[in-house]
């Protein structure tokens, strides 16, 4: 690599305008800082190099108009970008379920991260931006865990992102997931309101636990179907905490099938022998009632095979 390919950027203070109102700081930096590994951007935040009004912040911190963001010095590499494989591009195209001038709704496949993580890895958003120039300014409105499939909404315009973020912030969005758990779910458990505390491990991985020191969290649960071994549940998120459904269901003694972090290791090994190689959690419906938006992604075949 020649020196001419590297550009050094000095520290920069940016005042937030209405275009980035309610945007997460990590999404703002991913938009502003180009040709840099995602790992470097998250390292900036973790080490306190990024400041909002002089204070340290976490990746999920949302910005307000007038905030002053310190972007630390960094170096970028010309044309630093990883191209998605043709098969990935085709997979994403096949799973677009809605599109207009400002919004893109995708049935995200299991195994695809919402955004790139460490190094040069690609996620959904980086791949979408390379499909067509009309998606070059696309942004995630929300996220799903890598091993969760289902509805993902991307905003193609900043104005749409603001409107959607505002609806989320006001709690107007309806989110329903389908989850399959081990065991016979008790019909009387319809509400789980245990507080959740998010911890960051040394590895940078997130782990969530039930704790009185955590944040208020509420999941409504309906039993859809069961047999002697499994139960199919509809989970409605009233709050949107990290790993909320996974931890709430586990706290009742019913972890999600295939959940490698919070589930039963021995039972997950056995279920793999039946051809189930994923976590059975799927974002089925997402509604923005105030904006008259209603999206549905039918559950994958794996969710049906256990009840045949």
C-alpha atoms as a PDB file:
ATOM      1  CA  UNK A   1       0.000   0.000   0.000  1.00  0.00           C
ATOM      2  CA  UNK A   2       1.442   3.381  -0.978  1.00  0.00           C
ATOM      3  CA  UNK A   3       1.329   6.461   1.248  1.00  0.00           C
ATOM      4  CA  UNK A   4      -0.841   8.223  -1.339  1.00  0.00           C
ATOM      5  CA  UNK A   5      -3.667   5.775  -0.594  1.00  0.00           C
ATOM      6  CA  UNK A   6      -3.858   6.822   3.055  1.00  0.00           C
ATOM      7  CA  UNK A   7      -5.575  10.026   4.168  1.00  0.00           C
ATOM      8  CA  UNK A   8      -5.087  11.415   7.675  1.00  0.00           C
ATOM      9  CA  UNK A   9      -8.074  13.257   9.176  1.00  0.00           C
ATOM     10  CA  UNK A  10      -7.691  15.779  11.996  1.00  0.00           C
ATOM     11  CA  UNK A  11      -9.997  16.038  14.982  1.00  0.00           C
ATOM     12  CA  UNK A  12     -13.348  17.542  14.014  1.00  0.00           C
ATOM     13  CA  UNK A  13     -16.246  19.028  16.008  1.00  0.00           C
ATOM     14  CA  UNK A  14     -19.627  18.610  14.307  1.00  0.00           C
ATOM     15  CA  UNK A  15     -22.817  20.314  15.459  1.00  0.00           C
ATOM     16  CA  UNK A  16     -25.873  18.110  14.987  1.00  0.00           C
ATOM     17  CA  UNK A  17     -28.669  19.507  12.819  1.00  0.00           C
ATOM     18  CA  UNK A  18     -32.243  18.238  12.427  1.00  0.00           C
ATOM     19  CA  UNK A  19     -31.174  15.653   9.837  1.00  0.00           C
ATOM     20  CA  UNK A  20     -29.488  13.605  12.569  1.00  0.00           C
ATOM     21  CA  UNK A  21     -31.996  14.269  15.349  1.00  0.00           C
ATOM     22  CA  UNK A  22     -32.602  11.001  17.293  1.00  0.00           C
ATOM     23  CA  UNK A  23     -29.879   9.159  15.324  1.00  0.00           C
ATOM     24  CA  UNK A  24     -27.658   6.780  17.290  1.00  0.00           C
ATOM     25  CA  UNK A  25     -24.082   8.005  17.627  1.00  0.00           C
ATOM     26  CA  UNK A  26     -22.689   4.822  16.045  1.00  0.00           C
ATOM     27  CA  UNK A  27     -24.954   5.220  13.000  1.00  0.00           C
ATOM     28  CA  UNK A  28     -23.949   8.875  12.729  1.00  0.00           C
ATOM     29  CA  UNK A  29     -20.253   7.958  12.734  1.00  0.00           C
ATOM     30  CA  UNK A  30     -20.780   5.125  10.257  1.00  0.00           C
ATOM     31  CA  UNK A  31     -22.363   7.715   7.959  1.00  0.00           C
ATOM     32  CA  UNK A  32     -19.695  10.382   8.466  1.00  0.00           C
ATOM     33  CA  UNK A  33     -16.539   8.264   8.532  1.00  0.00           C
ATOM     34  CA  UNK A  34     -15.834   6.465   5.276  1.00  0.00           C
ATOM     35  CA  UNK A  35     -13.211   3.902   4.237  1.00  0.00           C
ATOM     36  CA  UNK A  36     -12.496   2.814   7.822  1.00  0.00           C
ATOM     37  CA  UNK A  37     -13.107  -0.611   9.431  1.00  0.00           C
ATOM     38  CA  UNK A  38     -16.229  -0.773  11.589  1.00  0.00           C
ATOM     39  CA  UNK A  39     -14.051  -2.088  14.399  1.00  0.00           C
ATOM     40  CA  UNK A  40     -12.089   1.181  14.428  1.00  0.00           C
ATOM     41  CA  UNK A  41     -15.266   3.263  14.704  1.00  0.00           C
ATOM     42  CA  UNK A  42     -16.591   1.229  17.625  1.00  0.00           C
ATOM     43  CA  UNK A  43     -13.143   1.354  19.225  1.00  0.00           C
ATOM     44  CA  UNK A  44     -13.293   5.172  19.041  1.00  0.00           C
ATOM     45  CA  UNK A  45     -16.537   5.120  21.000  1.00  0.00           C
ATOM     46  CA  UNK A  46     -15.448   2.481  23.517  1.00  0.00           C
ATOM     47  CA  UNK A  47     -12.174   4.251  24.339  1.00  0.00           C
ATOM     48  CA  UNK A  48     -13.866   7.618  24.837  1.00  0.00           C
ATOM     49  CA  UNK A  49     -12.275   9.258  21.799  1.00  0.00           C
ATOM     50  CA  UNK A  50     -15.739  10.256  20.599  1.00  0.00           C
ATOM     51  CA  UNK A  51     -17.436  12.847  22.811  1.00  0.00           C
ATOM     52  CA  UNK A  52     -20.915  14.356  22.836  1.00  0.00           C
ATOM     53  CA  UNK A  53     -20.895  17.799  24.423  1.00  0.00           C
ATOM     54  CA  UNK A  54     -17.612  16.850  26.042  1.00  0.00           C
ATOM     55  CA  UNK A  55     -18.853  13.583  27.562  1.00  0.00           C
ATOM     56  CA  UNK A  56     -18.156   9.945  26.772  1.00  0.00           C
ATOM     57  CA  UNK A  57     -20.972   7.965  25.208  1.00  0.00           C
ATOM     58  CA  UNK A  58     -22.137   4.488  24.305  1.00  0.00           C
ATOM     59  CA  UNK A  59     -22.931   3.311  20.741  1.00  0.00           C
ATOM     60  CA  UNK A  60     -26.700   3.437  21.317  1.00  0.00           C
ATOM     61  CA  UNK A  61     -26.691   7.049  22.578  1.00  0.00           C
ATOM     62  CA  UNK A  62     -29.132   9.118  20.510  1.00  0.00           C
ATOM     63  CA  UNK A  63     -28.255  12.591  19.308  1.00  0.00           C
ATOM     64  CA  UNK A  64     -30.209  15.807  19.760  1.00  0.00           C
ATOM     65  CA  UNK A  65     -30.209  18.882  17.574  1.00  0.00           C
ATOM     66  CA  UNK A  66     -27.446  21.222  18.741  1.00  0.00           C
ATOM     67  CA  UNK A  67     -25.264  18.494  20.234  1.00  0.00           C
ATOM     68  CA  UNK A  68     -21.553  18.928  19.514  1.00  0.00           C
ATOM     69  CA  UNK A  69     -19.833  15.686  18.541  1.00  0.00           C
ATOM     70  CA  UNK A  70     -16.075  15.303  18.689  1.00  0.00           C
ATOM     71  CA  UNK A  71     -14.810  13.045  15.901  1.00  0.00           C
ATOM     72  CA  UNK A  72     -11.236  12.035  16.784  1.00  0.00           C
ATOM     73  CA  UNK A  73      -8.293  11.898  14.380  1.00  0.00           C
ATOM     74  CA  UNK A  74      -8.282   8.839  12.126  1.00  0.00           C
ATOM     75  CA  UNK A  75      -6.821   7.582   8.889  1.00  0.00           C
ATOM     76  CA  UNK A  76      -8.795   6.244   5.965  1.00  0.00           C
ATOM     77  CA  UNK A  77      -7.735   4.110   3.036  1.00  0.00           C
ATOM     78  CA  UNK A  78      -8.836   5.037  -0.480  1.00  0.00           C
ATOM     79  CA  UNK A  79     -11.479   2.664  -1.847  1.00  0.00           C
ATOM     80  CA  UNK A  80     -11.511   0.723   1.415  1.00  0.00           C
ATOM     81  CA  UNK A  81     -14.593  -1.381   0.870  1.00  0.00           C
ATOM     82  CA  UNK A  82     -15.468  -5.043   0.749  1.00  0.00           C
ATOM     83  CA  UNK A  83     -17.714  -6.147  -2.073  1.00  0.00           C
ATOM     84  CA  UNK A  84     -20.584  -8.498  -1.210  1.00  0.00           C
ATOM     85  CA  UNK A  85     -20.706 -11.765  -3.107  1.00  0.00           C
ATOM     86  CA  UNK A  86     -23.168 -11.971  -5.967  1.00  0.00           C
ATOM     87  CA  UNK A  87     -25.051 -14.697  -4.076  1.00  0.00           C
ATOM     88  CA  UNK A  88     -25.558 -12.358  -1.097  1.00  0.00           C
ATOM     89  CA  UNK A  89     -26.803  -9.542  -3.303  1.00  0.00           C
ATOM     90  CA  UNK A  90     -29.287 -11.890  -4.977  1.00  0.00           C
ATOM     91  CA  UNK A  91     -30.442 -13.202  -1.594  1.00  0.00           C
ATOM     92  CA  UNK A  92     -31.137  -9.673  -0.364  1.00  0.00           C
ATOM     93  CA  UNK A  93     -32.964  -8.732  -3.576  1.00  0.00           C
ATOM     94  CA  UNK A  94     -35.150 -11.831  -3.304  1.00  0.00           C
ATOM     95  CA  UNK A  95     -36.138 -10.830   0.227  1.00  0.00           C
ATOM     96  CA  UNK A  96     -37.206  -7.239  -0.464  1.00  0.00           C
ATOM     97  CA  UNK A  97     -40.895  -7.196   0.448  1.00  0.00           C
ATOM     98  CA  UNK A  98     -41.656  -3.489   0.104  1.00  0.00           C
ATOM     99  CA  UNK A  99     -40.085  -0.410  -1.408  1.00  0.00           C
ATOM    100  CA  UNK A 100     -41.126   3.157  -2.136  1.00  0.00           C
ATOM    101  CA  UNK A 101     -39.213   6.405  -2.567  1.00  0.00           C
ATOM    102  CA  UNK A 102     -38.110   6.575   1.058  1.00  0.00           C
ATOM    103  CA  UNK A 103     -38.396   3.135   2.712  1.00  0.00           C
ATOM    104  CA  UNK A 104     -37.067  -0.355   2.059  1.00  0.00           C
ATOM    105  CA  UNK A 105     -38.469  -3.387   3.939  1.00  0.00           C
ATOM    106  CA  UNK A 106     -36.454  -6.597   3.848  1.00  0.00           C
ATOM    107  CA  UNK A 107     -37.097 -10.053   5.258  1.00  0.00           C
ATOM    108  CA  UNK A 108     -33.588 -10.407   6.707  1.00  0.00           C
ATOM    109  CA  UNK A 109     -32.196 -13.915   6.393  1.00  0.00           C
ATOM    110  CA  UNK A 110     -30.893 -15.683   9.483  1.00  0.00           C
ATOM    111  CA  UNK A 111     -27.105 -15.476   9.794  1.00  0.00           C
ATOM    112  CA  UNK A 112     -26.764 -12.008   8.248  1.00  0.00           C
ATOM    113  CA  UNK A 113     -25.770  -9.259  10.687  1.00  0.00           C
ATOM    114  CA  UNK A 114     -27.590  -5.928  10.566  1.00  0.00           C
ATOM    115  CA  UNK A 115     -24.247  -4.193  10.012  1.00  0.00           C
ATOM    116  CA  UNK A 116     -20.612  -5.166   9.712  1.00  0.00           C
ATOM    117  CA  UNK A 117     -18.706  -5.969  12.862  1.00  0.00           C
ATOM    118  CA  UNK A 118     -14.993  -6.393  13.322  1.00  0.00           C
ATOM    119  CA  UNK A 119     -12.468  -6.116  10.490  1.00  0.00           C
ATOM    120  CA  UNK A 120     -13.902  -6.017   6.990  1.00  0.00           C
ATOM    121  CA  UNK A 121     -17.028  -8.082   7.564  1.00  0.00           C
ATOM    122  CA  UNK A 122     -20.165  -7.059   5.720  1.00  0.00           C
ATOM    123  CA  UNK A 123     -23.639  -6.750   7.133  1.00  0.00           C
ATOM    124  CA  UNK A 124     -27.041  -6.065   5.626  1.00  0.00           C
ATOM    125  CA  UNK A 125     -26.669  -2.295   5.432  1.00  0.00           C
ATOM    126  CA  UNK A 126     -23.214  -2.333   3.790  1.00  0.00           C
ATOM    127  CA  UNK A 127     -24.422  -4.868   1.235  1.00  0.00           C
ATOM    128  CA  UNK A 128     -27.626  -2.975   0.415  1.00  0.00           C
ATOM    129  CA  UNK A 129     -25.679   0.235  -0.212  1.00  0.00           C
ATOM    130  CA  UNK A 130     -23.724  -1.547  -2.935  1.00  0.00           C
ATOM    131  CA  UNK A 131     -26.693  -3.095  -4.743  1.00  0.00           C
ATOM    132  CA  UNK A 132     -27.688   0.134  -6.474  1.00  0.00           C
ATOM    133  CA  UNK A 133     -26.791   3.829  -6.278  1.00  0.00           C
ATOM    134  CA  UNK A 134     -30.346   4.587  -5.121  1.00  0.00           C
ATOM    135  CA  UNK A 135     -29.493   2.804  -1.857  1.00  0.00           C
ATOM    136  CA  UNK A 136     -26.170   4.567  -1.266  1.00  0.00           C
ATOM    137  CA  UNK A 137     -27.598   6.722   1.545  1.00  0.00           C
ATOM    138  CA  UNK A 138     -29.704   3.956   3.129  1.00  0.00           C
ATOM    139  CA  UNK A 139     -29.689   3.706   6.927  1.00  0.00           C
ATOM    140  CA  UNK A 140     -30.873   1.144   9.454  1.00  0.00           C
ATOM    141  CA  UNK A 141     -34.017   2.211  11.280  1.00  0.00           C
ATOM    142  CA  UNK A 142     -33.620  -0.598  13.841  1.00  0.00           C
ATOM    143  CA  UNK A 143     -31.632  -3.822  14.240  1.00  0.00           C
ATOM    144  CA  UNK A 144     -32.065  -7.540  14.567  1.00  0.00           C
ATOM    145  CA  UNK A 145     -29.598  -9.989  16.068  1.00  0.00           C
ATOM    146  CA  UNK A 146     -27.577 -11.826  13.462  1.00  0.00           C
ATOM    147  CA  UNK A 147     -29.356 -15.114  14.160  1.00  0.00           C
ATOM    148  CA  UNK A 148     -32.846 -13.591  14.147  1.00  0.00           C
ATOM    149  CA  UNK A 149     -34.687 -13.484  10.843  1.00  0.00           C
ATOM    150  CA  UNK A 150     -37.541 -11.257   9.761  1.00  0.00           C
ATOM    151  CA  UNK A 151     -38.626  -7.704   9.081  1.00  0.00           C
ATOM    152  CA  UNK A 152     -35.922  -5.050   8.817  1.00  0.00           C
ATOM    153  CA  UNK A 153     -36.710  -1.472   7.805  1.00  0.00           C
ATOM    154  CA  UNK A 154     -34.169   0.740   6.056  1.00  0.00           C
ATOM    155  CA  UNK A 155     -34.660   4.435   5.342  1.00  0.00           C
ATOM    156  CA  UNK A 156     -33.507   5.608   1.917  1.00  0.00           C
ATOM    157  CA  UNK A 157     -33.745   9.280   2.924  1.00  0.00           C
ATOM    158  CA  UNK A 158     -32.754  11.226   6.029  1.00  0.00           C
ATOM    159  CA  UNK A 159     -36.271  12.674   6.266  1.00  0.00           C
ATOM    160  CA  UNK A 160     -37.760   9.160   6.422  1.00  0.00           C
ATOM    161  CA  UNK A 161     -35.223   8.104   9.032  1.00  0.00           C
ATOM    162  CA  UNK A 162     -36.247  11.046  11.235  1.00  0.00           C
ATOM    163  CA  UNK A 163     -39.953  10.195  10.964  1.00  0.00           C
ATOM    164  CA  UNK A 164     -39.431   6.504  11.720  1.00  0.00           C
ATOM    165  CA  UNK A 165     -37.037   7.181  14.598  1.00  0.00           C
ATOM    166  CA  UNK A 166     -39.530   9.587  16.120  1.00  0.00           C
ATOM    167  CA  UNK A 167     -42.266   6.933  16.016  1.00  0.00           C
ATOM    168  CA  UNK A 168     -39.936   4.461  17.732  1.00  0.00           C
ATOM    169  CA  UNK A 169     -38.932   7.030  20.352  1.00  0.00           C
ATOM    170  CA  UNK A 170     -42.591   7.767  21.148  1.00  0.00           C
ATOM    171  CA  UNK A 171     -43.381   4.083  21.522  1.00  0.00           C
ATOM    172  CA  UNK A 172     -45.869   3.988  18.641  1.00  0.00           C
ATOM    173  CA  UNK A 173     -44.350   0.979  16.877  1.00  0.00           C
ATOM    174  CA  UNK A 174     -45.866  -2.509  17.191  1.00  0.00           C
ATOM    175  CA  UNK A 175     -43.378  -5.402  17.034  1.00  0.00           C
ATOM    176  CA  UNK A 176     -44.373  -9.053  17.085  1.00  0.00           C
ATOM    177  CA  UNK A 177     -42.002 -12.010  16.963  1.00  0.00           C
ATOM    178  CA  UNK A 178     -42.469 -15.748  16.630  1.00  0.00           C
ATOM    179  CA  UNK A 179     -40.334 -17.849  18.971  1.00  0.00           C
ATOM    180  CA  UNK A 180     -40.137 -21.592  19.478  1.00  0.00           C
ATOM    181  CA  UNK A 181     -39.035 -22.753  22.924  1.00  0.00           C
ATOM    182  CA  UNK A 182     -38.263 -26.102  24.503  1.00  0.00           C
ATOM    183  CA  UNK A 183     -41.046 -27.468  26.678  1.00  0.00           C
ATOM    184  CA  UNK A 184     -44.753 -26.886  27.273  1.00  0.00           C
ATOM    185  CA  UNK A 185     -45.309 -23.166  27.827  1.00  0.00           C
ATOM    186  CA  UNK A 186     -47.805 -22.426  30.658  1.00  0.00           C
ATOM    187  CA  UNK A 187     -50.922 -20.764  29.233  1.00  0.00           C
ATOM    188  CA  UNK A 188     -51.185 -18.485  32.262  1.00  0.00           C
ATOM    189  CA  UNK A 189     -47.868 -16.714  31.553  1.00  0.00           C
ATOM    190  CA  UNK A 190     -48.883 -13.882  29.277  1.00  0.00           C
ATOM    191  CA  UNK A 191     -46.778 -11.044  30.642  1.00  0.00           C
ATOM    192  CA  UNK A 192     -43.063 -10.857  31.515  1.00  0.00           C
ATOM    193  CA  UNK A 193     -41.956  -7.575  33.070  1.00  0.00           C
ATOM    194  CA  UNK A 194     -38.572  -8.400  34.593  1.00  0.00           C
ATOM    195  CA  UNK A 195     -35.934  -5.661  34.530  1.00  0.00           C
ATOM    196  CA  UNK A 196     -32.978  -6.267  32.228  1.00  0.00           C
ATOM    197  CA  UNK A 197     -29.375  -5.216  32.716  1.00  0.00           C
ATOM    198  CA  UNK A 198     -26.945  -5.122  29.781  1.00  0.00           C
ATOM    199  CA  UNK A 199     -23.321  -5.983  30.436  1.00  0.00           C
ATOM    200  CA  UNK A 200     -20.365  -5.771  28.082  1.00  0.00           C
ATOM    201  CA  UNK A 201     -17.826  -8.557  28.432  1.00  0.00           C
ATOM    202  CA  UNK A 202     -14.080  -8.119  27.952  1.00  0.00           C
ATOM    203  CA  UNK A 203     -14.435  -9.620  24.492  1.00  0.00           C
ATOM    204  CA  UNK A 204     -16.797  -6.763  23.572  1.00  0.00           C
ATOM    205  CA  UNK A 205     -19.718  -9.189  23.442  1.00  0.00           C
ATOM    206  CA  UNK A 206     -22.985  -8.153  25.085  1.00  0.00           C
ATOM    207  CA  UNK A 207     -24.726 -10.238  27.714  1.00  0.00           C
ATOM    208  CA  UNK A 208     -28.063  -9.385  29.301  1.00  0.00           C
ATOM    209  CA  UNK A 209     -29.291 -10.548  32.697  1.00  0.00           C
ATOM    210  CA  UNK A 210     -32.427 -10.142  34.795  1.00  0.00           C
ATOM    211  CA  UNK A 211     -31.590  -7.633  37.529  1.00  0.00           C
ATOM    212  CA  UNK A 212     -33.373  -5.140  39.740  1.00  0.00           C
ATOM    213  CA  UNK A 213     -30.628  -2.717  38.703  1.00  0.00           C
ATOM    214  CA  UNK A 214     -31.705  -3.017  35.067  1.00  0.00           C
ATOM    215  CA  UNK A 215     -34.192  -1.134  32.918  1.00  0.00           C
ATOM    216  CA  UNK A 216     -37.943  -1.671  32.910  1.00  0.00           C
ATOM    217  CA  UNK A 217     -38.791  -4.265  30.258  1.00  0.00           C
ATOM    218  CA  UNK A 218     -42.109  -5.742  29.125  1.00  0.00           C
ATOM    219  CA  UNK A 219     -42.901  -8.621  26.776  1.00  0.00           C
ATOM    220  CA  UNK A 220     -46.448  -9.911  26.134  1.00  0.00           C
ATOM    221  CA  UNK A 221     -46.645 -13.603  25.254  1.00  0.00           C
ATOM    222  CA  UNK A 222     -49.369 -15.676  23.554  1.00  0.00           C
ATOM    223  CA  UNK A 223     -49.163 -19.459  23.117  1.00  0.00           C
ATOM    224  CA  UNK A 224     -49.899 -20.301  19.479  1.00  0.00           C
ATOM    225  CA  UNK A 225     -49.165 -24.021  19.342  1.00  0.00           C
ATOM    226  CA  UNK A 226     -47.459 -26.754  21.315  1.00  0.00           C
ATOM    227  CA  UNK A 227     -46.697 -30.455  21.439  1.00  0.00           C
ATOM    228  CA  UNK A 228     -44.862 -32.600  23.970  1.00  0.00           C
ATOM    229  CA  UNK A 229     -41.447 -31.103  23.191  1.00  0.00           C
ATOM    230  CA  UNK A 230     -41.925 -27.552  21.880  1.00  0.00           C
ATOM    231  CA  UNK A 231     -44.112 -24.462  22.136  1.00  0.00           C
ATOM    232  CA  UNK A 232     -44.621 -21.796  19.491  1.00  0.00           C
ATOM    233  CA  UNK A 233     -45.098 -18.318  20.974  1.00  0.00           C
ATOM    234  CA  UNK A 234     -46.049 -14.894  19.693  1.00  0.00           C
ATOM    235  CA  UNK A 235     -44.041 -12.282  21.591  1.00  0.00           C
ATOM    236  CA  UNK A 236     -45.058  -8.641  21.460  1.00  0.00           C
ATOM    237  CA  UNK A 237     -42.367  -6.169  22.481  1.00  0.00           C
ATOM    238  CA  UNK A 238     -43.625  -3.262  24.535  1.00  0.00           C
ATOM    239  CA  UNK A 239     -40.071  -2.158  25.288  1.00  0.00           C
ATOM    240  CA  UNK A 240     -37.105  -2.823  23.042  1.00  0.00           C
ATOM    241  CA  UNK A 241     -34.179  -3.888  25.199  1.00  0.00           C
ATOM    242  CA  UNK A 242     -31.179  -5.783  23.869  1.00  0.00           C
ATOM    243  CA  UNK A 243     -31.906  -9.551  23.716  1.00  0.00           C
ATOM    244  CA  UNK A 244     -35.199  -8.869  25.498  1.00  0.00           C
ATOM    245  CA  UNK A 245     -37.261 -11.801  24.214  1.00  0.00           C
ATOM    246  CA  UNK A 246     -34.395 -14.259  24.530  1.00  0.00           C
ATOM    247  CA  UNK A 247     -33.660 -13.351  28.159  1.00  0.00           C
ATOM    248  CA  UNK A 248     -37.293 -12.971  29.236  1.00  0.00           C
ATOM    249  CA  UNK A 249     -38.238 -16.422  27.900  1.00  0.00           C
ATOM    250  CA  UNK A 250     -35.143 -17.988  29.463  1.00  0.00           C
ATOM    251  CA  UNK A 251     -35.999 -16.370  32.819  1.00  0.00           C
ATOM    252  CA  UNK A 252     -39.267 -18.352  32.821  1.00  0.00           C
ATOM    253  CA  UNK A 253     -37.352 -21.579  32.171  1.00  0.00           C
ATOM    254  CA  UNK A 254     -38.092 -21.755  28.432  1.00  0.00           C
ATOM    255  CA  UNK A 255     -35.068 -20.693  26.342  1.00  0.00           C
ATOM    256  CA  UNK A 256     -35.446 -20.367  22.585  1.00  0.00           C
ATOM    257  CA  UNK A 257     -34.546 -23.389  20.472  1.00  0.00           C
ATOM    258  CA  UNK A 258     -31.084 -22.938  18.959  1.00  0.00           C
ATOM    259  CA  UNK A 259     -30.085 -19.984  21.146  1.00  0.00           C
ATOM    260  CA  UNK A 260     -26.355 -20.524  21.644  1.00  0.00           C
ATOM    261  CA  UNK A 261     -25.953 -17.733  24.207  1.00  0.00           C
ATOM    262  CA  UNK A 262     -28.942 -18.181  26.507  1.00  0.00           C
ATOM    263  CA  UNK A 263     -30.213 -21.653  25.579  1.00  0.00           C
ATOM    264  CA  UNK A 264     -29.645 -25.307  26.478  1.00  0.00           C
ATOM    265  CA  UNK A 265     -26.380 -26.505  24.925  1.00  0.00           C
ATOM    266  CA  UNK A 266     -27.215 -30.212  25.109  1.00  0.00           C
ATOM    267  CA  UNK A 267     -30.698 -29.806  23.658  1.00  0.00           C
ATOM    268  CA  UNK A 268     -29.388 -27.528  20.919  1.00  0.00           C
ATOM    269  CA  UNK A 269     -26.926 -30.234  19.895  1.00  0.00           C
ATOM    270  CA  UNK A 270     -29.747 -32.742  19.611  1.00  0.00           C
ATOM    271  CA  UNK A 271     -31.929 -30.356  17.611  1.00  0.00           C
ATOM    272  CA  UNK A 272     -29.111 -29.855  15.097  1.00  0.00           C
ATOM    273  CA  UNK A 273     -29.309 -33.553  14.308  1.00  0.00           C
ATOM    274  CA  UNK A 274     -32.895 -32.879  13.193  1.00  0.00           C
ATOM    275  CA  UNK A 275     -31.635 -30.281  10.720  1.00  0.00           C
ATOM    276  CA  UNK A 276     -32.329 -27.173  12.821  1.00  0.00           C
ATOM    277  CA  UNK A 277     -29.152 -25.091  12.565  1.00  0.00           C
ATOM    278  CA  UNK A 278     -30.401 -21.706  13.706  1.00  0.00           C
ATOM    279  CA  UNK A 279     -32.090 -19.873  16.539  1.00  0.00           C
ATOM    280  CA  UNK A 280     -35.861 -20.059  16.119  1.00  0.00           C
ATOM    281  CA  UNK A 281     -36.717 -16.393  16.616  1.00  0.00           C
ATOM    282  CA  UNK A 282     -38.363 -14.462  13.785  1.00  0.00           C
ATOM    283  CA  UNK A 283     -39.588 -10.867  13.507  1.00  0.00           C
ATOM    284  CA  UNK A 284     -42.973 -11.437  11.892  1.00  0.00           C
ATOM    285  CA  UNK A 285     -44.789  -8.098  11.971  1.00  0.00           C
ATOM    286  CA  UNK A 286     -43.751  -4.479  12.305  1.00  0.00           C
ATOM    287  CA  UNK A 287     -46.277  -1.672  12.286  1.00  0.00           C
ATOM    288  CA  UNK A 288     -45.965   2.117  12.322  1.00  0.00           C
ATOM    289  CA  UNK A 289     -49.675   2.967  12.819  1.00  0.00           C
ATOM    290  CA  UNK A 290     -49.198   6.746  12.734  1.00  0.00           C
ATOM    291  CA  UNK A 291     -47.457   6.444   9.354  1.00  0.00           C
ATOM    292  CA  UNK A 292     -49.866   3.787   8.020  1.00  0.00           C
ATOM    293  CA  UNK A 293     -47.053   1.285   7.516  1.00  0.00           C
ATOM    294  CA  UNK A 294     -47.644  -2.421   8.173  1.00  0.00           C
ATOM    295  CA  UNK A 295     -45.117  -5.124   7.233  1.00  0.00           C
ATOM    296  CA  UNK A 296     -45.278  -8.910   7.584  1.00  0.00           C
ATOM    297  CA  UNK A 297     -42.699 -11.624   6.926  1.00  0.00           C
ATOM    298  CA  UNK A 298     -44.071 -15.145   7.203  1.00  0.00           C
ATOM    299  CA  UNK A 299     -42.154 -17.537   9.428  1.00  0.00           C
ATOM    300  CA  UNK A 300     -39.509 -19.749   7.771  1.00  0.00           C
ATOM    301  CA  UNK A 301     -40.091 -23.457   7.116  1.00  0.00           C
ATOM    302  CA  UNK A 302     -37.955 -24.504  10.112  1.00  0.00           C
ATOM    303  CA  UNK A 303     -40.634 -23.044  12.384  1.00  0.00           C
ATOM    304  CA  UNK A 304     -43.245 -25.425  10.976  1.00  0.00           C
ATOM    305  CA  UNK A 305     -41.295 -28.674  10.796  1.00  0.00           C
ATOM    306  CA  UNK A 306     -41.228 -29.170  14.571  1.00  0.00           C
ATOM    307  CA  UNK A 307     -45.041 -29.263  14.666  1.00  0.00           C
ATOM    308  CA  UNK A 308     -45.771 -31.579  11.738  1.00  0.00           C
END
